[in-house]
């Protein structure tokens, strides 16, 4: 799971680990190692460990599946390191909207790249997803990955996000609501 300290990444780590998958969490924040292990990650990798300046068309096969929140070079690296028949769900573009890769992982390893379009999914399917999120896919560590703040604290939170110091999700409490 790339972008693992973000709100969606944190949920992905939690839900996949709870389903019995061995989750590797990828982050640029070395200070968040314990947070990610606490969500259920088996291993934490740091973006500084990746050789994204020299991405090969096919690299060592590492992953059976992946969830990518970043796009760009990290997604290209994930594509090149997928195992035979592996699948990546591309769900964000926090690093870049571009993808520079070759067709080699797709035709030689049968890798799949899936796009996520949650905004236009039909209501029956959406209701099914919400039902599963409330039951068998319910995140186990919501308290650790969420926090509530007052509306007036938003400028401080924006600074945390811009400075790369935030993790999880923030719920804004509106006075009188």
C-alpha atoms as a PDB file:
ATOM      1  CA  UNK A   1       0.000   0.000   0.000  1.00  0.00           C
ATOM      2  CA  UNK A   2       1.628   3.245  -1.122  1.00  0.00           C
ATOM      3  CA  UNK A   3       0.754   6.501   0.577  1.00  0.00           C
ATOM      4  CA  UNK A   4      -0.005   4.320   3.580  1.00  0.00           C
ATOM      5  CA  UNK A   5      -0.212   7.113   6.159  1.00  0.00           C
ATOM      6  CA  UNK A   6      -2.969   8.954   4.290  1.00  0.00           C
ATOM      7  CA  UNK A   7      -6.615   8.415   5.097  1.00  0.00           C
ATOM      8  CA  UNK A   8      -7.300   5.934   2.291  1.00  0.00           C
ATOM      9  CA  UNK A   9      -3.897   4.269   2.659  1.00  0.00           C
ATOM     10  CA  UNK A  10      -4.405   3.801   6.400  1.00  0.00           C
ATOM     11  CA  UNK A  11      -7.795   2.205   5.782  1.00  0.00           C
ATOM     12  CA  UNK A  12      -6.300  -0.090   3.133  1.00  0.00           C
ATOM     13  CA  UNK A  13      -3.506  -1.250   5.465  1.00  0.00           C
ATOM     14  CA  UNK A  14      -6.010  -1.912   8.258  1.00  0.00           C
ATOM     15  CA  UNK A  15      -8.596  -3.740   6.138  1.00  0.00           C
ATOM     16  CA  UNK A  16      -6.099  -5.874   4.208  1.00  0.00           C
ATOM     17  CA  UNK A  17      -4.235  -6.906   7.371  1.00  0.00           C
ATOM     18  CA  UNK A  18      -7.528  -7.818   9.068  1.00  0.00           C
ATOM     19  CA  UNK A  19      -8.340 -10.088   6.095  1.00  0.00           C
ATOM     20  CA  UNK A  20      -5.070 -11.973   6.634  1.00  0.00           C
ATOM     21  CA  UNK A  21      -2.907 -10.400   3.942  1.00  0.00           C
ATOM     22  CA  UNK A  22       0.760  -9.687   4.584  1.00  0.00           C
ATOM     23  CA  UNK A  23       0.787  -5.919   4.080  1.00  0.00           C
ATOM     24  CA  UNK A  24       3.823  -3.838   3.184  1.00  0.00           C
ATOM     25  CA  UNK A  25       3.135  -0.172   3.896  1.00  0.00           C
ATOM     26  CA  UNK A  26       5.050   2.355   1.787  1.00  0.00           C
ATOM     27  CA  UNK A  27       5.496   5.879   3.130  1.00  0.00           C
ATOM     28  CA  UNK A  28       7.782   8.868   2.896  1.00  0.00           C
ATOM     29  CA  UNK A  29       7.433   9.483   6.639  1.00  0.00           C
ATOM     30  CA  UNK A  30       9.996   7.492   8.591  1.00  0.00           C
ATOM     31  CA  UNK A  31       8.495   8.808  11.840  1.00  0.00           C
ATOM     32  CA  UNK A  32       5.240   6.918  11.098  1.00  0.00           C
ATOM     33  CA  UNK A  33       6.675   3.387  11.213  1.00  0.00           C
ATOM     34  CA  UNK A  34       5.041   2.496  14.547  1.00  0.00           C
ATOM     35  CA  UNK A  35       1.705   3.964  13.427  1.00  0.00           C
ATOM     36  CA  UNK A  36       1.671   1.709  10.342  1.00  0.00           C
ATOM     37  CA  UNK A  37       2.747  -1.387  12.262  1.00  0.00           C
ATOM     38  CA  UNK A  38      -0.055  -0.616  14.727  1.00  0.00           C
ATOM     39  CA  UNK A  39      -2.567  -0.659  11.862  1.00  0.00           C
ATOM     40  CA  UNK A  40      -1.424  -4.167  10.959  1.00  0.00           C
ATOM     41  CA  UNK A  41       1.380  -3.672   8.438  1.00  0.00           C
ATOM     42  CA  UNK A  42       3.835  -6.585   8.437  1.00  0.00           C
ATOM     43  CA  UNK A  43       6.570  -4.414   6.983  1.00  0.00           C
ATOM     44  CA  UNK A  44       7.155  -0.700   6.433  1.00  0.00           C
ATOM     45  CA  UNK A  45       9.155   0.550   3.454  1.00  0.00           C
ATOM     46  CA  UNK A  46      10.240   4.131   2.959  1.00  0.00           C
ATOM     47  CA  UNK A  47      10.150   5.908  -0.394  1.00  0.00           C
ATOM     48  CA  UNK A  48      13.812   6.801   0.135  1.00  0.00           C
ATOM     49  CA  UNK A  49      14.564   3.061  -0.255  1.00  0.00           C
ATOM     50  CA  UNK A  50      13.093   2.915  -3.759  1.00  0.00           C
ATOM     51  CA  UNK A  51      15.234   3.319  -6.832  1.00  0.00           C
ATOM     52  CA  UNK A  52      12.570   5.303  -8.692  1.00  0.00           C
ATOM     53  CA  UNK A  53      15.211   7.184 -10.668  1.00  0.00           C
ATOM     54  CA  UNK A  54      16.044   3.961 -12.545  1.00  0.00           C
ATOM     55  CA  UNK A  55      12.838   2.013 -12.972  1.00  0.00           C
ATOM     56  CA  UNK A  56      13.385  -1.061 -15.116  1.00  0.00           C
ATOM     57  CA  UNK A  57      10.659  -2.404 -17.421  1.00  0.00           C
ATOM     58  CA  UNK A  58      10.647  -5.627 -15.359  1.00  0.00           C
ATOM     59  CA  UNK A  59      12.179  -5.746 -11.915  1.00  0.00           C
ATOM     60  CA  UNK A  60      12.246  -8.373  -9.186  1.00  0.00           C
ATOM     61  CA  UNK A  61       8.714  -9.719  -8.764  1.00  0.00           C
ATOM     62  CA  UNK A  62       7.606  -8.711  -5.263  1.00  0.00           C
ATOM     63  CA  UNK A  63       3.862  -8.176  -5.007  1.00  0.00           C
ATOM     64  CA  UNK A  64       0.758 -10.296  -5.546  1.00  0.00           C
ATOM     65  CA  UNK A  65      -1.364  -7.167  -5.305  1.00  0.00           C
ATOM     66  CA  UNK A  66      -1.032  -3.493  -4.497  1.00  0.00           C
ATOM     67  CA  UNK A  67      -3.029  -0.384  -3.668  1.00  0.00           C
ATOM     68  CA  UNK A  68      -1.466   2.816  -5.008  1.00  0.00           C
ATOM     69  CA  UNK A  69      -2.416   6.261  -3.722  1.00  0.00           C
ATOM     70  CA  UNK A  70       0.491   8.131  -5.328  1.00  0.00           C
ATOM     71  CA  UNK A  71       0.762   7.554  -9.075  1.00  0.00           C
ATOM     72  CA  UNK A  72       3.895   8.652 -10.933  1.00  0.00           C
ATOM     73  CA  UNK A  73       7.213   6.917 -10.353  1.00  0.00           C
ATOM     74  CA  UNK A  74       5.953   4.908  -7.379  1.00  0.00           C
ATOM     75  CA  UNK A  75       3.148   3.396  -9.468  1.00  0.00           C
ATOM     76  CA  UNK A  76       5.596   2.718 -12.320  1.00  0.00           C
ATOM     77  CA  UNK A  77       7.880   0.907  -9.843  1.00  0.00           C
ATOM     78  CA  UNK A  78       4.931  -1.108  -8.519  1.00  0.00           C
ATOM     79  CA  UNK A  79       3.958  -2.145 -12.052  1.00  0.00           C
ATOM     80  CA  UNK A  80       7.516  -3.328 -12.765  1.00  0.00           C
ATOM     81  CA  UNK A  81       7.650  -5.357  -9.522  1.00  0.00           C
ATOM     82  CA  UNK A  82       4.298  -7.176  -9.761  1.00  0.00           C
ATOM     83  CA  UNK A  83       4.310 -10.958  -9.539  1.00  0.00           C
ATOM     84  CA  UNK A  84       2.772 -13.183 -12.195  1.00  0.00           C
ATOM     85  CA  UNK A  85      -0.947 -12.371 -12.379  1.00  0.00           C
ATOM     86  CA  UNK A  86      -0.705  -9.549  -9.820  1.00  0.00           C
ATOM     87  CA  UNK A  87      -3.162  -6.671  -9.681  1.00  0.00           C
ATOM     88  CA  UNK A  88      -2.731  -3.019  -8.710  1.00  0.00           C
ATOM     89  CA  UNK A  89      -5.656  -0.794  -7.748  1.00  0.00           C
ATOM     90  CA  UNK A  90      -4.705   2.764  -8.710  1.00  0.00           C
ATOM     91  CA  UNK A  91      -6.771   4.969  -6.417  1.00  0.00           C
ATOM     92  CA  UNK A  92      -4.887   8.254  -6.159  1.00  0.00           C
ATOM     93  CA  UNK A  93      -2.417  10.656  -7.692  1.00  0.00           C
ATOM     94  CA  UNK A  94      -0.899  12.368  -4.655  1.00  0.00           C
ATOM     95  CA  UNK A  95       2.569  12.324  -6.257  1.00  0.00           C
ATOM     96  CA  UNK A  96       1.745  12.581  -9.958  1.00  0.00           C
ATOM     97  CA  UNK A  97      -0.929  11.999 -12.578  1.00  0.00           C
ATOM     98  CA  UNK A  98       1.658  10.576 -14.982  1.00  0.00           C
ATOM     99  CA  UNK A  99       2.623   6.944 -15.483  1.00  0.00           C
ATOM    100  CA  UNK A 100       5.771   6.026 -17.400  1.00  0.00           C
ATOM    101  CA  UNK A 101       5.966   2.289 -17.903  1.00  0.00           C
ATOM    102  CA  UNK A 102       6.092  -0.366 -20.608  1.00  0.00           C
ATOM    103  CA  UNK A 103       3.655  -3.096 -21.561  1.00  0.00           C
ATOM    104  CA  UNK A 104       6.154  -5.769 -20.473  1.00  0.00           C
ATOM    105  CA  UNK A 105       4.660  -6.453 -16.996  1.00  0.00           C
ATOM    106  CA  UNK A 106       1.211  -6.725 -18.569  1.00  0.00           C
ATOM    107  CA  UNK A 107       2.114  -9.154 -21.365  1.00  0.00           C
ATOM    108  CA  UNK A 108       4.944 -11.110 -19.709  1.00  0.00           C
ATOM    109  CA  UNK A 109       3.549 -11.362 -16.173  1.00  0.00           C
ATOM    110  CA  UNK A 110      -0.157 -10.864 -16.789  1.00  0.00           C
ATOM    111  CA  UNK A 111      -0.192  -7.903 -14.400  1.00  0.00           C
ATOM    112  CA  UNK A 112      -3.418  -5.900 -14.171  1.00  0.00           C
ATOM    113  CA  UNK A 113      -3.876  -2.205 -13.422  1.00  0.00           C
ATOM    114  CA  UNK A 114      -7.338  -1.260 -12.195  1.00  0.00           C
ATOM    115  CA  UNK A 115      -8.668   2.273 -11.972  1.00  0.00           C
ATOM    116  CA  UNK A 116     -11.117   3.274  -9.285  1.00  0.00           C
ATOM    117  CA  UNK A 117     -14.061   5.547 -10.052  1.00  0.00           C
ATOM    118  CA  UNK A 118     -16.005   5.864  -6.812  1.00  0.00           C
ATOM    119  CA  UNK A 119     -17.860   8.991  -7.898  1.00  0.00           C
ATOM    120  CA  UNK A 120     -19.966   7.341 -10.596  1.00  0.00           C
ATOM    121  CA  UNK A 121     -20.495   3.859  -9.228  1.00  0.00           C
ATOM    122  CA  UNK A 122     -24.126   2.737  -9.221  1.00  0.00           C
ATOM    123  CA  UNK A 123     -26.174   2.978  -6.045  1.00  0.00           C
ATOM    124  CA  UNK A 124     -26.741  -0.793  -5.611  1.00  0.00           C
ATOM    125  CA  UNK A 125     -22.998  -1.460  -5.772  1.00  0.00           C
ATOM    126  CA  UNK A 126     -22.243   1.551  -3.530  1.00  0.00           C
ATOM    127  CA  UNK A 127     -24.761   0.297  -0.938  1.00  0.00           C
ATOM    128  CA  UNK A 128     -23.119  -3.121  -1.011  1.00  0.00           C
ATOM    129  CA  UNK A 129     -19.712  -1.579  -0.372  1.00  0.00           C
ATOM    130  CA  UNK A 130     -21.068   0.476   2.546  1.00  0.00           C
ATOM    131  CA  UNK A 131     -22.686  -2.666   3.971  1.00  0.00           C
ATOM    132  CA  UNK A 132     -19.389  -4.552   3.826  1.00  0.00           C
ATOM    133  CA  UNK A 133     -17.522  -1.606   5.375  1.00  0.00           C
ATOM    134  CA  UNK A 134     -19.954  -1.821   8.285  1.00  0.00           C
ATOM    135  CA  UNK A 135     -19.504  -5.592   8.669  1.00  0.00           C
ATOM    136  CA  UNK A 136     -16.724  -7.863   7.387  1.00  0.00           C
ATOM    137  CA  UNK A 137     -14.489  -5.048   6.074  1.00  0.00           C
ATOM    138  CA  UNK A 138     -14.985  -2.776   9.092  1.00  0.00           C
ATOM    139  CA  UNK A 139     -11.622  -1.172   9.936  1.00  0.00           C
ATOM    140  CA  UNK A 140     -10.199  -2.382  13.248  1.00  0.00           C
ATOM    141  CA  UNK A 141      -8.175   0.741  14.113  1.00  0.00           C
ATOM    142  CA  UNK A 142     -10.467   3.686  13.364  1.00  0.00           C
ATOM    143  CA  UNK A 143      -9.547   5.416  16.636  1.00  0.00           C
ATOM    144  CA  UNK A 144      -5.849   5.375  15.709  1.00  0.00           C
ATOM    145  CA  UNK A 145      -6.391   6.762  12.218  1.00  0.00           C
ATOM    146  CA  UNK A 146      -8.980   9.470  12.846  1.00  0.00           C
ATOM    147  CA  UNK A 147      -9.157  12.633  14.898  1.00  0.00           C
ATOM    148  CA  UNK A 148     -11.716  15.373  15.346  1.00  0.00           C
ATOM    149  CA  UNK A 149     -10.842  19.051  15.255  1.00  0.00           C
ATOM    150  CA  UNK A 150     -12.706  22.325  15.532  1.00  0.00           C
ATOM    151  CA  UNK A 151     -13.325  24.289  12.351  1.00  0.00           C
ATOM    152  CA  UNK A 152     -11.031  27.056  13.625  1.00  0.00           C
ATOM    153  CA  UNK A 153      -8.117  24.571  13.769  1.00  0.00           C
ATOM    154  CA  UNK A 154      -8.170  23.963  10.009  1.00  0.00           C
ATOM    155  CA  UNK A 155      -5.235  26.312   9.202  1.00  0.00           C
ATOM    156  CA  UNK A 156      -2.992  24.296  11.545  1.00  0.00           C
ATOM    157  CA  UNK A 157      -4.143  21.024   9.950  1.00  0.00           C
ATOM    158  CA  UNK A 158      -3.514  22.419   6.465  1.00  0.00           C
ATOM    159  CA  UNK A 159       0.044  23.242   7.553  1.00  0.00           C
ATOM    160  CA  UNK A 160       0.478  19.658   8.814  1.00  0.00           C
ATOM    161  CA  UNK A 161      -0.699  18.218   5.495  1.00  0.00           C
ATOM    162  CA  UNK A 162       1.416  20.583   3.415  1.00  0.00           C
ATOM    163  CA  UNK A 163       4.436  19.835   5.613  1.00  0.00           C
ATOM    164  CA  UNK A 164       3.924  16.066   5.321  1.00  0.00           C
ATOM    165  CA  UNK A 165       3.327  15.653   9.067  1.00  0.00           C
ATOM    166  CA  UNK A 166      -0.278  14.404   9.013  1.00  0.00           C
ATOM    167  CA  UNK A 167      -1.626  10.877   8.945  1.00  0.00           C
ATOM    168  CA  UNK A 168      -5.043   9.289   8.773  1.00  0.00           C
ATOM    169  CA  UNK A 169      -8.270  11.252   8.480  1.00  0.00           C
ATOM    170  CA  UNK A 170      -9.479  14.455  10.095  1.00  0.00           C
ATOM    171  CA  UNK A 171     -13.131  15.036  10.952  1.00  0.00           C
ATOM    172  CA  UNK A 172     -14.073  18.708  11.291  1.00  0.00           C
ATOM    173  CA  UNK A 173     -16.610  19.551  13.979  1.00  0.00           C
ATOM    174  CA  UNK A 174     -18.864  22.431  12.984  1.00  0.00           C
ATOM    175  CA  UNK A 175     -20.170  24.486  15.941  1.00  0.00           C
ATOM    176  CA  UNK A 176     -23.894  24.039  16.443  1.00  0.00           C
ATOM    177  CA  UNK A 177     -24.047  20.946  14.261  1.00  0.00           C
END
